[in-house]
Amino acid sequence: MTVGEINQFLHKEFPQHIGVVTEMGKNSAVMRLDVDDAHLRPGGTVSGPTMMALADICLYVAILGQIGPVALAVTTNLNINFLRKPEPAKAMIAEARLLKLGKRLAVGEISIYSEGDDEPVAHVTATYSIPPR
C-alpha cells in the first residue's frame, strides 16, 4: 500500500485514529501527530495514552504496508517505556519497524520522538494477530 492508500484506508476504516502516515518502506512506517490541547495531560506534557495510540497505529500501518488492507489485524500485546518528557509544542514522530512478520503474528518496535529531537521520548514493543485469509 502507498502512503496515500493507507491514509485513505485509515480514514475510512478507523476514523478515530490519530496521526498521519508520512512514510512507508519495507517493514517500516513513519507517522506524524500534530500535538494539540486534546493530547496533553495535566502538567502540560503529551499523555501516555496518546503516545500509546500513535505507536499502536504506526505498527499497524507497517504491517498493512506488507500484507495489504486487513482491517481485522489486532493488537495482542503492547509495552511502552516512557523515556523522557516530550515537548508539547512539537509534533510527535513515530517510527515503526517490523521485527518478525509471520502468517498469524507480527512483532515490531516503535520509537517516538518530539519532532527535531534525536533522542526518543518512548520506546514501544508490540505484537499483532493477523487473521487467517
C-alpha atoms as a PDB file:
ATOM      1  CA  MET A   1       0.000   0.000   0.000  1.00  0.00           C
ATOM      2  CA  THR A   2       1.163   3.531  -0.707  1.00  0.00           C
ATOM      3  CA  VAL A   3       1.128   6.401   1.791  1.00  0.00           C
ATOM      4  CA  GLY A   4      -1.988   7.803   0.127  1.00  0.00           C
ATOM      5  CA  GLU A   5      -3.771   4.438   0.088  1.00  0.00           C
ATOM      6  CA  ILE A   6      -3.031   3.735   3.744  1.00  0.00           C
ATOM      7  CA  ASN A   7      -4.177   7.201   4.840  1.00  0.00           C
ATOM      8  CA  GLN A   8      -7.427   6.694   2.881  1.00  0.00           C
ATOM      9  CA  PHE A   9      -7.883   3.250   4.445  1.00  0.00           C
ATOM     10  CA  LEU A  10      -7.376   4.637   7.962  1.00  0.00           C
ATOM     11  CA  HIS A  11      -9.858   7.474   7.392  1.00  0.00           C
ATOM     12  CA  LYS A  12     -12.455   5.005   6.108  1.00  0.00           C
ATOM     13  CA  GLU A  13     -11.963   2.061   8.482  1.00  0.00           C
ATOM     14  CA  PHE A  14     -10.644   3.877  11.585  1.00  0.00           C
ATOM     15  CA  PRO A  15     -11.952   7.445  11.597  1.00  0.00           C
ATOM     16  CA  GLN A  16     -10.979   7.717  15.282  1.00  0.00           C
ATOM     17  CA  HIS A  17      -7.265   7.132  14.567  1.00  0.00           C
ATOM     18  CA  ILE A  18      -4.665   9.779  15.337  1.00  0.00           C
ATOM     19  CA  GLY A  19      -1.731  10.922  13.229  1.00  0.00           C
ATOM     20  CA  VAL A  20      -0.901  10.912   9.543  1.00  0.00           C
ATOM     21  CA  VAL A  21       1.273   8.419   7.693  1.00  0.00           C
ATOM     22  CA  THR A  22       4.246  10.237   6.180  1.00  0.00           C
ATOM     23  CA  GLU A  23       6.493   7.370   5.039  1.00  0.00           C
ATOM     24  CA  MET A  24       6.284   3.669   4.330  1.00  0.00           C
ATOM     25  CA  GLY A  25       9.048   1.249   3.493  1.00  0.00           C
ATOM     26  CA  LYS A  26       9.838  -2.431   3.599  1.00  0.00           C
ATOM     27  CA  ASN A  27       8.765  -3.494   7.102  1.00  0.00           C
ATOM     28  CA  SER A  28       8.553   0.104   8.327  1.00  0.00           C
ATOM     29  CA  ALA A  29       6.320   3.139   8.666  1.00  0.00           C
ATOM     30  CA  VAL A  30       6.586   6.698   9.956  1.00  0.00           C
ATOM     31  CA  MET A  31       3.688   8.755  11.305  1.00  0.00           C
ATOM     32  CA  ARG A  32       3.328  12.326  12.497  1.00  0.00           C
ATOM     33  CA  LEU A  33       0.928  13.689  15.092  1.00  0.00           C
ATOM     34  CA  ASP A  34       0.489  17.439  15.415  1.00  0.00           C
ATOM     35  CA  VAL A  35       0.013  17.799  19.164  1.00  0.00           C
ATOM     36  CA  ASP A  36      -2.832  19.974  20.418  1.00  0.00           C
ATOM     37  CA  ASP A  37      -4.554  20.519  23.776  1.00  0.00           C
ATOM     38  CA  ALA A  38      -6.566  17.297  23.394  1.00  0.00           C
ATOM     39  CA  HIS A  39      -3.305  15.299  23.587  1.00  0.00           C
ATOM     40  CA  LEU A  40      -1.982  16.929  26.754  1.00  0.00           C
ATOM     41  CA  ARG A  41      -2.303  15.825  30.347  1.00  0.00           C
ATOM     42  CA  PRO A  42      -2.044  17.942  33.497  1.00  0.00           C
ATOM     43  CA  GLY A  43       1.439  19.385  33.717  1.00  0.00           C
ATOM     44  CA  GLY A  44       1.471  20.269  30.018  1.00  0.00           C
ATOM     45  CA  THR A  45       3.008  17.104  28.599  1.00  0.00           C
ATOM     46  CA  VAL A  46       1.747  14.700  25.958  1.00  0.00           C
ATOM     47  CA  SER A  47      -0.344  11.991  27.617  1.00  0.00           C
ATOM     48  CA  GLY A  48       0.729   8.364  27.770  1.00  0.00           C
ATOM     49  CA  PRO A  49      -2.457   7.145  26.073  1.00  0.00           C
ATOM     50  CA  THR A  50      -1.763   9.497  23.153  1.00  0.00           C
ATOM     51  CA  MET A  51       1.737   8.080  22.692  1.00  0.00           C
ATOM     52  CA  MET A  52       0.429   4.519  23.040  1.00  0.00           C
ATOM     53  CA  ALA A  53      -2.254   5.122  20.405  1.00  0.00           C
ATOM     54  CA  LEU A  54       0.266   6.657  17.998  1.00  0.00           C
ATOM     55  CA  ALA A  55       2.668   3.728  18.445  1.00  0.00           C
ATOM     56  CA  ASP A  56      -0.124   1.186  18.004  1.00  0.00           C
ATOM     57  CA  ILE A  57      -1.443   2.664  14.774  1.00  0.00           C
ATOM     58  CA  CYS A  58       2.083   3.168  13.406  1.00  0.00           C
ATOM     59  CA  LEU A  59       2.926  -0.522  13.778  1.00  0.00           C
ATOM     60  CA  TYR A  60      -0.452  -1.421  12.264  1.00  0.00           C
ATOM     61  CA  VAL A  61       0.473   0.729   9.262  1.00  0.00           C
ATOM     62  CA  ALA A  62       3.864  -1.003   8.910  1.00  0.00           C
ATOM     63  CA  ILE A  63       2.095  -4.377   8.928  1.00  0.00           C
ATOM     64  CA  LEU A  64      -0.547  -3.329   6.398  1.00  0.00           C
ATOM     65  CA  GLY A  65       2.194  -1.994   4.170  1.00  0.00           C
ATOM     66  CA  GLN A  66       3.367  -5.604   3.846  1.00  0.00           C
ATOM     67  CA  ILE A  67       0.118  -7.626   3.902  1.00  0.00           C
ATOM     68  CA  GLY A  68      -2.403  -5.184   2.426  1.00  0.00           C
ATOM     69  CA  PRO A  69      -5.634  -3.785   3.905  1.00  0.00           C
ATOM     70  CA  VAL A  70      -6.516  -6.354   6.575  1.00  0.00           C
ATOM     71  CA  ALA A  71      -8.847  -4.432   8.879  1.00  0.00           C
ATOM     72  CA  LEU A  72      -9.116  -7.245  11.428  1.00  0.00           C
ATOM     73  CA  ALA A  73      -5.428  -7.472  12.331  1.00  0.00           C
ATOM     74  CA  VAL A  74      -5.445  -6.644  16.051  1.00  0.00           C
ATOM     75  CA  THR A  75      -3.011  -5.786  18.823  1.00  0.00           C
ATOM     76  CA  THR A  76      -2.406  -8.660  21.226  1.00  0.00           C
ATOM     77  CA  ASN A  77       0.331  -7.022  23.292  1.00  0.00           C
ATOM     78  CA  LEU A  78       1.805  -3.540  23.671  1.00  0.00           C
ATOM     79  CA  ASN A  79       4.550  -2.484  26.083  1.00  0.00           C
ATOM     80  CA  ILE A  80       5.744   1.099  26.353  1.00  0.00           C
ATOM     81  CA  ASN A  81       8.706   2.616  28.143  1.00  0.00           C
ATOM     82  CA  PHE A  82       8.431   6.363  28.667  1.00  0.00           C
ATOM     83  CA  LEU A  83      11.999   7.651  28.423  1.00  0.00           C
ATOM     84  CA  ARG A  84      11.727  11.431  28.733  1.00  0.00           C
ATOM     85  CA  LYS A  85       9.160  14.200  28.683  1.00  0.00           C
ATOM     86  CA  PRO A  86       8.033  15.059  25.149  1.00  0.00           C
ATOM     87  CA  GLU A  87       7.868  18.683  24.120  1.00  0.00           C
ATOM     88  CA  PRO A  88       4.195  19.668  23.843  1.00  0.00           C
ATOM     89  CA  ALA A  89       4.899  22.446  21.327  1.00  0.00           C
ATOM     90  CA  LYS A  90       6.407  19.939  18.853  1.00  0.00           C
ATOM     91  CA  ALA A  91       4.789  17.282  16.703  1.00  0.00           C
ATOM     92  CA  MET A  92       5.281  13.656  17.721  1.00  0.00           C
ATOM     93  CA  ILE A  93       7.028  11.376  15.212  1.00  0.00           C
ATOM     94  CA  ALA A  94       6.582   7.599  15.457  1.00  0.00           C
ATOM     95  CA  GLU A  95       8.905   5.240  13.586  1.00  0.00           C
ATOM     96  CA  ALA A  96       7.803   1.598  13.427  1.00  0.00           C
ATOM     97  CA  ARG A  97       9.905  -1.354  12.355  1.00  0.00           C
ATOM     98  CA  LEU A  98       8.710  -4.924  11.974  1.00  0.00           C
ATOM     99  CA  LEU A  99      10.977  -7.444  13.671  1.00  0.00           C
ATOM    100  CA  LYS A 100       9.011 -10.508  12.542  1.00  0.00           C
ATOM    101  CA  LEU A 101       6.128 -10.905  10.144  1.00  0.00           C
ATOM    102  CA  GLY A 102       4.619 -14.377  10.138  1.00  0.00           C
ATOM    103  CA  LYS A 103       1.354 -15.782   8.822  1.00  0.00           C
ATOM    104  CA  ARG A 104      -0.507 -15.236  12.121  1.00  0.00           C
ATOM    105  CA  LEU A 105       1.675 -12.913  14.244  1.00  0.00           C
ATOM    106  CA  ALA A 106       3.692  -9.763  13.669  1.00  0.00           C
ATOM    107  CA  VAL A 107       6.149  -8.324  16.184  1.00  0.00           C
ATOM    108  CA  GLY A 108       7.603  -4.857  15.980  1.00  0.00           C
ATOM    109  CA  GLU A 109       9.109  -1.931  17.788  1.00  0.00           C
ATOM    110  CA  ILE A 110       8.278   1.744  17.643  1.00  0.00           C
ATOM    111  CA  SER A 111      10.348   4.739  18.676  1.00  0.00           C
ATOM    112  CA  ILE A 112       8.553   8.017  19.355  1.00  0.00           C
ATOM    113  CA  TYR A 113      10.306  11.367  19.120  1.00  0.00           C
ATOM    114  CA  SER A 114       9.485  15.032  19.566  1.00  0.00           C
ATOM    115  CA  GLU A 115       9.986  16.433  16.072  1.00  0.00           C
ATOM    116  CA  GLY A 116      13.555  17.571  15.524  1.00  0.00           C
ATOM    117  CA  ASP A 117      14.972  15.746  18.557  1.00  0.00           C
ATOM    118  CA  ASP A 118      17.396  12.834  18.193  1.00  0.00           C
ATOM    119  CA  GLU A 119      16.567  11.157  21.500  1.00  0.00           C
ATOM    120  CA  PRO A 120      13.329   9.145  21.715  1.00  0.00           C
ATOM    121  CA  VAL A 121      10.678  10.046  24.280  1.00  0.00           C
ATOM    122  CA  ALA A 122       9.276   6.497  24.287  1.00  0.00           C
ATOM    123  CA  HIS A 123      10.175   3.002  23.111  1.00  0.00           C
ATOM    124  CA  VAL A 124       7.401   0.524  22.375  1.00  0.00           C
ATOM    125  CA  THR A 125       7.229  -3.162  21.511  1.00  0.00           C
ATOM    126  CA  ALA A 126       4.025  -4.712  20.246  1.00  0.00           C
ATOM    127  CA  THR A 127       2.559  -7.887  18.798  1.00  0.00           C
ATOM    128  CA  TYR A 128      -0.317  -8.117  16.339  1.00  0.00           C
ATOM    129  CA  SER A 129      -2.505 -11.065  15.491  1.00  0.00           C
ATOM    130  CA  ILE A 130      -3.215 -11.443  11.766  1.00  0.00           C
ATOM    131  CA  PRO A 131      -6.469 -13.217  10.871  1.00  0.00           C
ATOM    132  CA  PRO A 132      -6.357 -16.229   8.548  1.00  0.00           C
ATOM    133  CA  ARG A 133      -7.014 -15.420   4.912  1.00  0.00           C
END
